[in-house]
Amino acid sequence: MTPSKLSQQDISRIIEMAWEDRTPFEAIFSEFGHTESDVIKLMRSSLKRSSFRLWRNRVSGRKTKHASMRGFSVGRFRCPTQNSR
């Protein structure tokens, strides 16, 4: 995956989804067709070095970022104001 093949809007949405705690990498794959390693490459090339390091430390080992590791069965998180925007 190269950032040049994605629209700026798609890149922005992938980065947003990657930063969200409750959005697993599988959701990014189902929406955009890019694996976790693709997302890591995109984040590395799109973020500042310090921001990338913060993100990697945040998601490394986080159970909510992998659907198979989730120990709870809640549906997708939905903000109460999501449809009003």
Protein backbone atom coordinates (compact mmCIF):
# COMPACT_ATOMS: atom_id res chain seq x y z
CA MET A 1 0.00 0.00 0.00
CA THR A 2 1.42 3.32 -0.95
CA PRO A 3 -0.09 6.57 0.28
CA SER A 4 -0.06 7.91 -3.29
CA LYS A 5 -2.68 5.29 -4.30
CA LEU A 6 -5.05 6.37 -1.54
CA SER A 7 -7.00 9.59 -1.48
CA GLN A 8 -6.11 12.09 1.22
CA GLN A 9 -9.53 11.46 2.74
CA ASP A 10 -8.88 7.68 2.91
CA ILE A 11 -5.46 8.22 4.49
CA SER A 12 -6.99 10.54 7.07
CA ARG A 13 -9.73 8.02 7.89
CA ILE A 14 -7.27 5.12 8.24
CA ILE A 15 -5.12 7.20 10.61
CA GLU A 16 -8.20 8.16 12.60
CA MET A 17 -9.33 4.53 12.86
CA ALA A 18 -5.81 3.42 13.83
CA TRP A 19 -5.71 5.93 16.70
CA GLU A 20 -9.11 4.83 18.04
CA ASP A 21 -8.76 2.35 20.89
CA ARG A 22 -11.86 0.33 20.09
CA THR A 23 -11.37 0.00 16.33
CA PRO A 24 -9.60 -3.28 15.53
CA PHE A 25 -7.22 -3.66 12.60
CA GLU A 26 -9.74 -6.12 11.14
CA ALA A 27 -12.23 -3.24 10.74
CA ILE A 28 -9.64 -1.26 8.77
CA PHE A 29 -8.99 -4.35 6.64
CA SER A 30 -12.69 -4.89 5.94
CA GLU A 31 -13.24 -1.24 5.00
CA PHE A 32 -10.04 -0.49 3.09
CA GLY A 33 -8.47 -3.91 2.40
CA HIS A 34 -5.19 -3.11 4.15
CA THR A 35 -3.53 -5.34 6.73
CA GLU A 36 -2.04 -4.33 10.06
CA SER A 37 1.44 -4.16 8.53
CA ASP A 38 0.12 -1.89 5.76
CA VAL A 39 -1.40 0.40 8.40
CA ILE A 40 1.89 0.49 10.32
CA LYS A 41 3.75 1.48 7.13
CA LEU A 42 1.17 4.18 6.40
CA MET A 43 1.37 5.53 9.94
CA ARG A 44 5.18 5.53 9.83
CA SER A 45 5.22 7.51 6.57
CA SER A 46 2.39 9.90 7.48
CA LEU A 47 3.11 10.81 11.09
CA LYS A 48 5.98 12.62 12.71
CA ARG A 49 8.50 10.26 14.26
CA SER A 50 7.46 11.09 17.82
CA SER A 51 3.77 10.71 16.99
CA PHE A 52 4.41 7.35 15.37
CA ARG A 53 6.35 6.18 18.44
CA LEU A 54 3.49 7.27 20.73
CA TRP A 55 0.98 5.41 18.56
CA ARG A 56 3.05 2.21 18.42
CA ASN A 57 3.53 2.22 22.18
CA ARG A 58 -0.19 2.76 22.58
CA VAL A 59 -1.38 -0.07 20.31
CA SER A 60 1.35 -2.64 21.00
CA GLY A 61 -0.27 -5.47 22.91
CA ARG A 62 -3.62 -3.70 23.16
CA LYS A 63 -6.31 -6.37 23.09
CA THR A 64 -8.97 -4.08 21.64
CA LYS A 65 -6.95 -3.56 18.45
CA HIS A 66 -7.32 -7.23 17.47
CA ALA A 67 -10.79 -8.74 17.17
CA SER A 68 -9.56 -12.23 18.02
CA MET A 69 -7.99 -11.04 21.29
CA ARG A 70 -11.08 -9.26 22.57
CA GLY A 71 -12.37 -10.86 25.71
CA PHE A 72 -15.71 -9.11 25.62
CA SER A 73 -18.61 -9.26 23.25
CA VAL A 74 -19.76 -5.72 22.74
CA GLY A 75 -20.85 -4.43 19.41
CA ARG A 76 -19.29 -1.56 17.62
CA PHE A 77 -18.96 1.59 19.66
CA ARG A 78 -21.24 4.29 18.40
CA CYS A 79 -21.22 7.86 19.58
CA PRO A 80 -24.71 9.14 20.51
CA THR A 81 -24.27 12.08 18.12
CA GLN A 82 -22.94 10.00 15.21
CA ASN A 83 -26.06 10.25 13.04
CA SER A 84 -26.69 13.91 13.78
CA ARG A 85 -23.56 15.09 11.99
